[in-house]
Amino acid sequence: MTTSPRTRNIGYIALAAGSVVAASAIGQLATFPNLAPWYEGLIKPSFNPPNWIFGPVWTSLYVLMAFAFWRILRVPVGTPGRSTAIALFAVQLVANAAWSWMFFAAHNPLLGLINIIPQFLLILATIGAFQPLDKIAAACLVPLAAWVSFASVLNFEIWRLNG
């Protein structure tokens, strides 16, 4: 049985949005219960953004991630590099969700740091894998790389100040 392009596209939208929403929800389950009092009680560097910034930033990044993933899913099956790009995206998405559990749920900035450095490298690898397939999809992940780069420095400083 063959599926129509429209049905296939709806499936790709559902897969892209669903996977990103699931990663966000899994991360939020670890984050929200640990904002107060644990995270509030940590010493933070002077460049730590106010807490209200994180919601809009991550919402925007997740929308861009889902859009980028959808564009890659639409690349014809069998195109060289497609499977690798999808696998890298999935692994970086798992690392993204795992960071919240390592940092917030475990109350362990060092564990978060151990996650976020490879996570950043996975994002760069994903951008590199997306680039030959879809330049727009690759560009959509650049803000994620920039934010996770900043978050890595922030994570390091929180670990250093509270270690």
C-alpha atoms as a PDB file:
ATOM      1  CA  MET A   1       0.000   0.000   0.000  1.00  0.00           C
ATOM      2  CA  THR A   2       1.387   3.388  -0.964  1.00  0.00           C
ATOM      3  CA  THR A   3       0.645   6.575   0.865  1.00  0.00           C
ATOM      4  CA  SER A   4      -0.080   9.877  -0.774  1.00  0.00           C
ATOM      5  CA  PRO A   5       2.470  12.685  -0.494  1.00  0.00           C
ATOM      6  CA  ARG A   6      -0.019  14.635   1.626  1.00  0.00           C
ATOM      7  CA  THR A   7      -0.501  11.741   4.069  1.00  0.00           C
ATOM      8  CA  ARG A   8       3.256  11.196   4.238  1.00  0.00           C
ATOM      9  CA  ASN A   9       3.790  14.917   4.933  1.00  0.00           C
ATOM     10  CA  ILE A  10       1.227  14.876   7.747  1.00  0.00           C
ATOM     11  CA  GLY A  11       3.058  11.895   9.216  1.00  0.00           C
ATOM     12  CA  TYR A  12       6.370  13.770   8.998  1.00  0.00           C
ATOM     13  CA  ILE A  13       4.839  16.801  10.711  1.00  0.00           C
ATOM     14  CA  ALA A  14       3.479  14.577  13.485  1.00  0.00           C
ATOM     15  CA  LEU A  15       6.820  12.804  13.912  1.00  0.00           C
ATOM     16  CA  ALA A  16       8.834  16.032  13.946  1.00  0.00           C
ATOM     17  CA  ALA A  17       6.511  17.919  16.275  1.00  0.00           C
ATOM     18  CA  GLY A  18       5.776  14.902  18.461  1.00  0.00           C
ATOM     19  CA  SER A  19       9.402  14.003  19.049  1.00  0.00           C
ATOM     20  CA  VAL A  20      10.378  17.562  19.910  1.00  0.00           C
ATOM     21  CA  VAL A  21       7.334  18.079  22.162  1.00  0.00           C
ATOM     22  CA  ALA A  22       8.103  14.770  23.907  1.00  0.00           C
ATOM     23  CA  ALA A  23      11.720  15.802  24.541  1.00  0.00           C
ATOM     24  CA  SER A  24      10.556  19.151  25.886  1.00  0.00           C
ATOM     25  CA  ALA A  25       7.963  17.540  28.164  1.00  0.00           C
ATOM     26  CA  ILE A  26      10.441  14.964  29.482  1.00  0.00           C
ATOM     27  CA  GLY A  27      12.912  17.749  30.262  1.00  0.00           C
ATOM     28  CA  GLN A  28      10.251  19.871  31.936  1.00  0.00           C
ATOM     29  CA  LEU A  29       9.313  16.975  34.233  1.00  0.00           C
ATOM     30  CA  ALA A  30      12.833  17.184  35.651  1.00  0.00           C
ATOM     31  CA  THR A  31      13.184  20.967  35.575  1.00  0.00           C
ATOM     32  CA  PHE A  32      10.030  22.481  37.051  1.00  0.00           C
ATOM     33  CA  PRO A  33       9.965  20.599  40.372  1.00  0.00           C
ATOM     34  CA  ASN A  34      13.586  21.581  40.993  1.00  0.00           C
ATOM     35  CA  LEU A  35      13.498  25.299  40.227  1.00  0.00           C
ATOM     36  CA  ALA A  36      12.539  26.112  43.817  1.00  0.00           C
ATOM     37  CA  PRO A  37      14.229  25.791  46.176  1.00  0.00           C
ATOM     38  CA  TRP A  38      17.213  23.932  44.663  1.00  0.00           C
ATOM     39  CA  TYR A  39      18.020  26.013  41.555  1.00  0.00           C
ATOM     40  CA  GLU A  40      17.010  29.261  43.261  1.00  0.00           C
ATOM     41  CA  GLY A  41      19.510  28.473  46.018  1.00  0.00           C
ATOM     42  CA  LEU A  42      22.495  28.057  43.702  1.00  0.00           C
ATOM     43  CA  ILE A  43      25.115  30.765  43.305  1.00  0.00           C
ATOM     44  CA  LYS A  44      24.948  31.953  39.701  1.00  0.00           C
ATOM     45  CA  PRO A  45      27.308  34.074  37.611  1.00  0.00           C
ATOM     46  CA  SER A  46      26.515  37.701  36.852  1.00  0.00           C
ATOM     47  CA  PHE A  47      25.581  36.828  33.253  1.00  0.00           C
ATOM     48  CA  ASN A  48      22.867  34.352  34.313  1.00  0.00           C
ATOM     49  CA  PRO A  49      19.669  35.377  32.487  1.00  0.00           C
ATOM     50  CA  PRO A  50      16.487  35.945  34.468  1.00  0.00           C
ATOM     51  CA  ASN A  51      14.383  32.788  34.779  1.00  0.00           C
ATOM     52  CA  TRP A  52      11.587  34.167  32.577  1.00  0.00           C
ATOM     53  CA  ILE A  53      13.957  34.180  29.545  1.00  0.00           C
ATOM     54  CA  PHE A  54      14.322  30.396  29.438  1.00  0.00           C
ATOM     55  CA  GLY A  55      10.699  29.610  28.511  1.00  0.00           C
ATOM     56  CA  PRO A  56      10.485  31.837  25.423  1.00  0.00           C
ATOM     57  CA  VAL A  57      14.003  30.938  24.287  1.00  0.00           C
ATOM     58  CA  TRP A  58      13.442  27.188  24.550  1.00  0.00           C
ATOM     59  CA  THR A  59       9.988  27.434  22.960  1.00  0.00           C
ATOM     60  CA  SER A  60      11.512  29.220  19.975  1.00  0.00           C
ATOM     61  CA  LEU A  61      14.377  26.720  19.760  1.00  0.00           C
ATOM     62  CA  TYR A  62      12.013  23.739  19.916  1.00  0.00           C
ATOM     63  CA  VAL A  63       9.839  25.211  17.139  1.00  0.00           C
ATOM     64  CA  LEU A  64      12.941  25.674  14.978  1.00  0.00           C
ATOM     65  CA  MET A  65      14.117  22.144  15.799  1.00  0.00           C
ATOM     66  CA  ALA A  66      10.772  20.617  14.818  1.00  0.00           C
ATOM     67  CA  PHE A  67      10.679  22.629  11.593  1.00  0.00           C
ATOM     68  CA  ALA A  68      14.247  21.596  10.729  1.00  0.00           C
ATOM     69  CA  PHE A  69      13.534  17.942  11.478  1.00  0.00           C
ATOM     70  CA  TRP A  70      10.364  18.025   9.362  1.00  0.00           C
ATOM     71  CA  ARG A  71      12.358  19.420   6.431  1.00  0.00           C
ATOM     72  CA  ILE A  72      14.890  16.583   6.736  1.00  0.00           C
ATOM     73  CA  LEU A  73      12.170  13.950   7.027  1.00  0.00           C
ATOM     74  CA  ARG A  74      10.797  15.241   3.699  1.00  0.00           C
ATOM     75  CA  VAL A  75      14.109  14.530   1.953  1.00  0.00           C
ATOM     76  CA  PRO A  76      13.491  11.434  -0.202  1.00  0.00           C
ATOM     77  CA  VAL A  77      14.194   8.107   1.489  1.00  0.00           C
ATOM     78  CA  GLY A  78      17.439   6.677   0.165  1.00  0.00           C
ATOM     79  CA  THR A  79      19.097  10.074  -0.256  1.00  0.00           C
ATOM     80  CA  PRO A  80      22.706   9.703   0.920  1.00  0.00           C
ATOM     81  CA  GLY A  81      23.123  11.184   4.393  1.00  0.00           C
ATOM     82  CA  ARG A  82      19.410  11.275   5.277  1.00  0.00           C
ATOM     83  CA  SER A  83      19.552   8.368   7.735  1.00  0.00           C
ATOM     84  CA  THR A  84      22.669   9.756   9.408  1.00  0.00           C
ATOM     85  CA  ALA A  85      21.083  13.199   9.715  1.00  0.00           C
ATOM     86  CA  ILE A  86      17.944  11.718  11.289  1.00  0.00           C
ATOM     87  CA  ALA A  87      19.990   9.581  13.704  1.00  0.00           C
ATOM     88  CA  LEU A  88      22.137  12.540  14.781  1.00  0.00           C
ATOM     89  CA  PHE A  89      19.054  14.678  15.322  1.00  0.00           C
ATOM     90  CA  ALA A  90      17.473  11.953  17.455  1.00  0.00           C
ATOM     91  CA  VAL A  91      20.608  11.484  19.567  1.00  0.00           C
ATOM     92  CA  GLN A  92      21.037  15.211  20.204  1.00  0.00           C
ATOM     93  CA  LEU A  93      17.343  15.420  21.105  1.00  0.00           C
ATOM     94  CA  VAL A  94      17.750  12.631  23.676  1.00  0.00           C
ATOM     95  CA  ALA A  95      20.832  14.391  25.074  1.00  0.00           C
ATOM     96  CA  ASN A  96      18.797  17.594  25.290  1.00  0.00           C
ATOM     97  CA  ALA A  97      16.096  15.937  27.401  1.00  0.00           C
ATOM     98  CA  ALA A  98      18.648  14.027  29.483  1.00  0.00           C
ATOM     99  CA  TRP A  99      20.449  17.240  30.460  1.00  0.00           C
ATOM    100  CA  SER A 100      17.475  18.382  32.551  1.00  0.00           C
ATOM    101  CA  TRP A 101      17.496  15.096  34.448  1.00  0.00           C
ATOM    102  CA  MET A 102      21.251  15.237  34.965  1.00  0.00           C
ATOM    103  CA  PHE A 103      21.381  18.889  36.036  1.00  0.00           C
ATOM    104  CA  PHE A 104      18.013  19.532  37.701  1.00  0.00           C
ATOM    105  CA  ALA A 105      16.609  16.181  38.846  1.00  0.00           C
ATOM    106  CA  ALA A 106      20.001  14.881  40.035  1.00  0.00           C
ATOM    107  CA  HIS A 107      20.851  18.326  41.489  1.00  0.00           C
ATOM    108  CA  ASN A 108      24.226  17.924  39.827  1.00  0.00           C
ATOM    109  CA  PRO A 109      25.742  20.719  37.696  1.00  0.00           C
ATOM    110  CA  LEU A 110      28.814  18.544  37.013  1.00  0.00           C
ATOM    111  CA  LEU A 111      26.628  15.809  35.552  1.00  0.00           C
ATOM    112  CA  GLY A 112      24.889  18.468  33.445  1.00  0.00           C
ATOM    113  CA  LEU A 113      28.277  19.662  32.234  1.00  0.00           C
ATOM    114  CA  ILE A 114      29.273  16.109  31.318  1.00  0.00           C
ATOM    115  CA  ASN A 115      26.145  16.005  29.129  1.00  0.00           C
ATOM    116  CA  ILE A 116      26.138  19.475  27.601  1.00  0.00           C
ATOM    117  CA  ILE A 117      29.612  19.401  26.027  1.00  0.00           C
ATOM    118  CA  PRO A 118      28.918  16.280  23.910  1.00  0.00           C
ATOM    119  CA  GLN A 119      25.390  17.603  23.314  1.00  0.00           C
ATOM    120  CA  PHE A 120      26.874  20.762  21.778  1.00  0.00           C
ATOM    121  CA  LEU A 121      29.147  18.653  19.565  1.00  0.00           C
ATOM    122  CA  LEU A 122      26.155  16.531  18.511  1.00  0.00           C
ATOM    123  CA  ILE A 123      24.271  19.683  17.522  1.00  0.00           C
ATOM    124  CA  LEU A 124      27.227  20.800  15.398  1.00  0.00           C
ATOM    125  CA  ALA A 125      27.396  17.343  13.801  1.00  0.00           C
ATOM    126  CA  THR A 126      23.648  17.487  13.118  1.00  0.00           C
ATOM    127  CA  ILE A 127      24.019  20.886  11.457  1.00  0.00           C
ATOM    128  CA  GLY A 128      26.821  19.428   9.349  1.00  0.00           C
ATOM    129  CA  ALA A 129      24.671  16.434   8.385  1.00  0.00           C
ATOM    130  CA  PHE A 130      21.655  18.646   7.581  1.00  0.00           C
ATOM    131  CA  GLN A 131      23.647  21.138   5.473  1.00  0.00           C
ATOM    132  CA  PRO A 132      24.020  19.072   2.272  1.00  0.00           C
ATOM    133  CA  LEU A 133      20.411  17.868   2.521  1.00  0.00           C
ATOM    134  CA  ASP A 134      18.636  21.135   3.328  1.00  0.00           C
ATOM    135  CA  LYS A 135      20.413  24.408   4.033  1.00  0.00           C
ATOM    136  CA  ILE A 136      17.336  25.935   5.690  1.00  0.00           C
ATOM    137  CA  ALA A 137      17.048  22.986   8.091  1.00  0.00           C
ATOM    138  CA  ALA A 138      20.733  23.362   8.967  1.00  0.00           C
ATOM    139  CA  ALA A 139      20.335  27.111   9.513  1.00  0.00           C
ATOM    140  CA  CYS A 140      17.374  26.492  11.835  1.00  0.00           C
ATOM    141  CA  LEU A 141      19.692  24.645  14.227  1.00  0.00           C
ATOM    142  CA  VAL A 142      22.301  27.426  14.422  1.00  0.00           C
ATOM    143  CA  PRO A 143      20.387  29.304  17.171  1.00  0.00           C
ATOM    144  CA  LEU A 144      20.251  26.035  19.135  1.00  0.00           C
ATOM    145  CA  ALA A 145      24.021  25.662  18.820  1.00  0.00           C
ATOM    146  CA  ALA A 146      24.522  29.272  19.934  1.00  0.00           C
ATOM    147  CA  TRP A 147      22.221  28.873  22.947  1.00  0.00           C
ATOM    148  CA  VAL A 148      23.725  25.536  24.017  1.00  0.00           C
ATOM    149  CA  SER A 149      27.185  27.081  23.675  1.00  0.00           C
ATOM    150  CA  PHE A 150      26.087  29.841  26.058  1.00  0.00           C
ATOM    151  CA  ALA A 151      24.358  27.297  28.311  1.00  0.00           C
ATOM    152  CA  SER A 152      27.602  25.295  28.453  1.00  0.00           C
ATOM    153  CA  VAL A 153      29.481  28.297  29.804  1.00  0.00           C
ATOM    154  CA  LEU A 154      26.637  29.015  32.226  1.00  0.00           C
ATOM    155  CA  ASN A 155      26.535  25.379  33.353  1.00  0.00           C
ATOM    156  CA  PHE A 156      30.319  25.424  33.899  1.00  0.00           C
ATOM    157  CA  GLU A 157      30.145  28.606  35.969  1.00  0.00           C
ATOM    158  CA  ILE A 158      27.288  27.278  38.107  1.00  0.00           C
ATOM    159  CA  TRP A 159      29.299  24.105  38.737  1.00  0.00           C
ATOM    160  CA  ARG A 160      32.445  26.121  39.536  1.00  0.00           C
ATOM    161  CA  LEU A 161      30.625  28.489  41.890  1.00  0.00           C
ATOM    162  CA  ASN A 162      28.749  25.734  43.715  1.00  0.00           C
ATOM    163  CA  GLY A 163      31.222  22.833  43.501  1.00  0.00           C
END
